[in-house]
C-alpha atoms as a PDB file:
ATOM      1  CA  MET A   1       0.000   0.000   0.000  1.00  0.00           C
ATOM      2  CA  ALA A   2       1.355   3.401  -0.978  1.00  0.00           C
ATOM      3  CA  LYS A   3       1.554   6.242   1.516  1.00  0.00           C
ATOM      4  CA  LEU A   4      -1.792   7.916   1.897  1.00  0.00           C
ATOM      5  CA  SER A   5      -0.159  11.329   1.460  1.00  0.00           C
ATOM      6  CA  SER A   6       1.168  10.291  -1.983  1.00  0.00           C
ATOM      7  CA  ILE A   7      -2.257   9.091  -3.067  1.00  0.00           C
ATOM      8  CA  ASN A   8      -3.925  12.295  -1.816  1.00  0.00           C
ATOM      9  CA  LYS A   9      -1.297  14.476  -3.502  1.00  0.00           C
ATOM     10  CA  ASN A  10      -1.975  12.733  -6.809  1.00  0.00           C
ATOM     11  CA  GLU A  11      -5.733  13.258  -6.371  1.00  0.00           C
ATOM     12  CA  ARG A  12      -5.169  16.987  -5.782  1.00  0.00           C
ATOM     13  CA  ARG A  13      -3.096  17.103  -8.954  1.00  0.00           C
ATOM     14  CA  LYS A  14      -5.913  15.427 -10.916  1.00  0.00           C
ATOM     15  CA  LYS A  15      -8.367  18.074  -9.698  1.00  0.00           C
ATOM     16  CA  LEU A  16      -6.009  20.896 -10.695  1.00  0.00           C
ATOM     17  CA  VAL A  17      -5.452  19.393 -14.138  1.00  0.00           C
ATOM     18  CA  LYS A  18      -9.206  19.171 -14.641  1.00  0.00           C
ATOM     19  CA  LYS A  19      -9.725  22.758 -13.423  1.00  0.00           C
ATOM     20  CA  TYR A  20      -7.097  24.303 -15.719  1.00  0.00           C
ATOM     21  CA  ALA A  21      -7.458  21.913 -18.706  1.00  0.00           C
ATOM     22  CA  GLY A  22      -9.257  24.374 -21.007  1.00  0.00           C
ATOM     23  CA  GLN A  23      -7.014  27.316 -20.214  1.00  0.00           C
ATOM     24  CA  TYR A  24      -3.871  25.165 -20.477  1.00  0.00           C
ATOM     25  CA  ALA A  25      -4.887  23.740 -23.867  1.00  0.00           C
ATOM     26  CA  ARG A  26      -5.787  27.189 -25.263  1.00  0.00           C
ATOM     27  CA  LEU A  27      -2.519  28.792 -24.175  1.00  0.00           C
ATOM     28  CA  LYS A  28      -0.471  25.803 -25.322  1.00  0.00           C
ATOM     29  CA  ALA A  29      -2.083  25.989 -28.781  1.00  0.00           C
ATOM     30  CA  ILE A  30      -1.257  29.696 -29.065  1.00  0.00           C
ATOM     31  CA  ALA A  31       2.319  29.184 -27.851  1.00  0.00           C
ATOM     32  CA  ASP A  32       2.938  26.350 -30.343  1.00  0.00           C
ATOM     33  CA  ASP A  33       1.319  28.059 -33.355  1.00  0.00           C
ATOM     34  CA  GLU A  34       4.207  29.217 -35.545  1.00  0.00           C
ATOM     35  CA  SER A  35       1.919  31.289 -37.801  1.00  0.00           C
ATOM     36  CA  LEU A  36       1.462  33.843 -34.996  1.00  0.00           C
ATOM     37  CA  ASP A  37       4.042  36.528 -34.246  1.00  0.00           C
ATOM     38  CA  GLU A  38       6.633  36.091 -31.501  1.00  0.00           C
ATOM     39  CA  GLY A  39       5.013  38.639 -29.180  1.00  0.00           C
ATOM     40  CA  GLU A  40       1.723  36.767 -28.901  1.00  0.00           C
ATOM     41  CA  ARG A  41       3.501  33.476 -28.446  1.00  0.00           C
ATOM     42  CA  LEU A  42       5.720  34.922 -25.715  1.00  0.00           C
ATOM     43  CA  ILE A  43       2.702  36.308 -23.860  1.00  0.00           C
ATOM     44  CA  ALA A  44       1.034  32.892 -24.040  1.00  0.00           C
ATOM     45  CA  ARG A  45       4.200  31.256 -22.647  1.00  0.00           C
ATOM     46  CA  LEU A  46       4.313  33.744 -19.775  1.00  0.00           C
ATOM     47  CA  LYS A  47       0.655  33.086 -18.951  1.00  0.00           C
ATOM     48  CA  LEU A  48       1.370  29.339 -19.085  1.00  0.00           C
ATOM     49  CA  ALA A  49       4.110  29.867 -16.529  1.00  0.00           C
ATOM     50  CA  GLU A  50       1.593  31.514 -14.169  1.00  0.00           C
ATOM     51  CA  ILE A  51      -0.592  28.395 -14.093  1.00  0.00           C
ATOM     52  CA  PRO A  52       0.277  26.175 -11.098  1.00  0.00           C
ATOM     53  CA  ARG A  53       2.871  23.488 -11.821  1.00  0.00           C
ATOM     54  CA  ASN A  54       0.600  20.712 -10.655  1.00  0.00           C
ATOM     55  CA  ALA A  55      -1.968  21.725 -13.284  1.00  0.00           C
ATOM     56  CA  ASN A  56       0.317  20.228 -15.934  1.00  0.00           C
ATOM     57  CA  PRO A  57      -1.086  16.825 -17.042  1.00  0.00           C
ATOM     58  CA  THR A  58       2.363  15.218 -17.090  1.00  0.00           C
ATOM     59  CA  ARG A  59       2.650  15.566 -13.310  1.00  0.00           C
ATOM     60  CA  VAL A  60      -0.245  13.160 -12.674  1.00  0.00           C
ATOM     61  CA  ARG A  61       0.981   9.656 -11.846  1.00  0.00           C
ATOM     62  CA  ASN A  62      -0.956   6.532 -12.803  1.00  0.00           C
ATOM     63  CA  ARG A  63      -1.692   4.613  -9.614  1.00  0.00           C
ATOM     64  CA  CYS A  64      -3.424   1.350  -8.767  1.00  0.00           C
ATOM     65  CA  ALA A  65      -7.077   1.874  -7.824  1.00  0.00           C
ATOM     66  CA  THR A  66      -6.917  -0.485  -4.816  1.00  0.00           C
ATOM     67  CA  THR A  67      -3.429  -0.047  -3.354  1.00  0.00           C
ATOM     68  CA  GLY A  68      -2.135   3.196  -4.857  1.00  0.00           C
ATOM     69  CA  ARG A  69       1.043   1.483  -6.076  1.00  0.00           C
ATOM     70  CA  PRO A  70       2.608   3.592  -8.878  1.00  0.00           C
ATOM     71  CA  ARG A  71       4.660   0.898 -10.622  1.00  0.00           C
ATOM     72  CA  GLY A  72       3.581  -2.044 -12.721  1.00  0.00           C
ATOM     73  CA  TYR A  73       0.348  -0.237 -13.624  1.00  0.00           C
ATOM     74  CA  TYR A  74      -1.955  -1.660 -16.320  1.00  0.00           C
ATOM     75  CA  ARG A  75      -4.049   1.099 -17.880  1.00  0.00           C
ATOM     76  CA  LYS A  76      -6.677  -1.277 -19.222  1.00  0.00           C
ATOM     77  CA  PHE A  77      -7.587  -2.469 -15.727  1.00  0.00           C
ATOM     78  CA  GLY A  78      -6.482   0.460 -13.565  1.00  0.00           C
ATOM     79  CA  LEU A  79      -4.575  -1.977 -11.340  1.00  0.00           C
ATOM     80  CA  ASN A  80      -0.964  -2.863 -10.692  1.00  0.00           C
ATOM     81  CA  ARG A  81       0.461  -6.223 -11.697  1.00  0.00           C
ATOM     82  CA  ILE A  82       0.214  -7.737  -8.211  1.00  0.00           C
ATOM     83  CA  GLU A  83      -3.442  -6.821  -7.670  1.00  0.00           C
ATOM     84  CA  LEU A  84      -4.270  -7.881 -11.222  1.00  0.00           C
ATOM     85  CA  ARG A  85      -2.846 -11.330 -10.531  1.00  0.00           C
ATOM     86  CA  ASN A  86      -4.578 -11.652  -7.149  1.00  0.00           C
ATOM     87  CA  LEU A  87      -7.993 -10.626  -8.482  1.00  0.00           C
ATOM     88  CA  GLY A  88      -7.482 -12.718 -11.626  1.00  0.00           C
ATOM     89  CA  ASN A  89      -6.723 -15.832  -9.588  1.00  0.00           C
ATOM     90  CA  LYS A  90      -9.889 -15.270  -7.545  1.00  0.00           C
ATOM     91  CA  GLY A  91     -11.907 -14.944 -10.769  1.00  0.00           C
ATOM     92  CA  LEU A  92     -12.998 -11.371 -10.077  1.00  0.00           C
ATOM     93  CA  ILE A  93     -11.864  -9.958 -13.429  1.00  0.00           C
ATOM     94  CA  PRO A  94     -14.133 -11.071 -16.288  1.00  0.00           C
ATOM     95  CA  GLY A  95     -12.334 -12.520 -19.291  1.00  0.00           C
ATOM     96  CA  LEU A  96      -9.004 -12.918 -17.519  1.00  0.00           C
ATOM     97  CA  THR A  97      -7.715 -16.485 -17.232  1.00  0.00           C
ATOM     98  CA  LYS A  98      -4.468 -17.804 -15.871  1.00  0.00           C
ATOM     99  CA  SER A  99      -2.227 -19.064 -18.612  1.00  0.00           C
ATOM    100  CA  SER A 100      -0.929 -22.638 -18.529  1.00  0.00           C
ATOM    101  CA  TRP A 101       0.826 -24.770 -21.124  1.00  0.00           C
END
């Protein structure tokens, strides 16, 4: 189980990303548009810098839904490899079977 503070910090980051998503995308599009003049692009970059750091989507960490473990994460299931195996062995994940040959 991951530290509760790490899990809560990641949840706060998710909320910030959601809050600033529209503004971030708009400013990023302006800053990356090479057809605009340098002044407008610079202003957009400066406004981007004013947005909180944790509002950047790359700062959100994928974590297991049950344990909060950040490594060995499977996006399709939202679980880490250990929990995926445990729940799969118990038959709690539909369509997942243990391989044997």
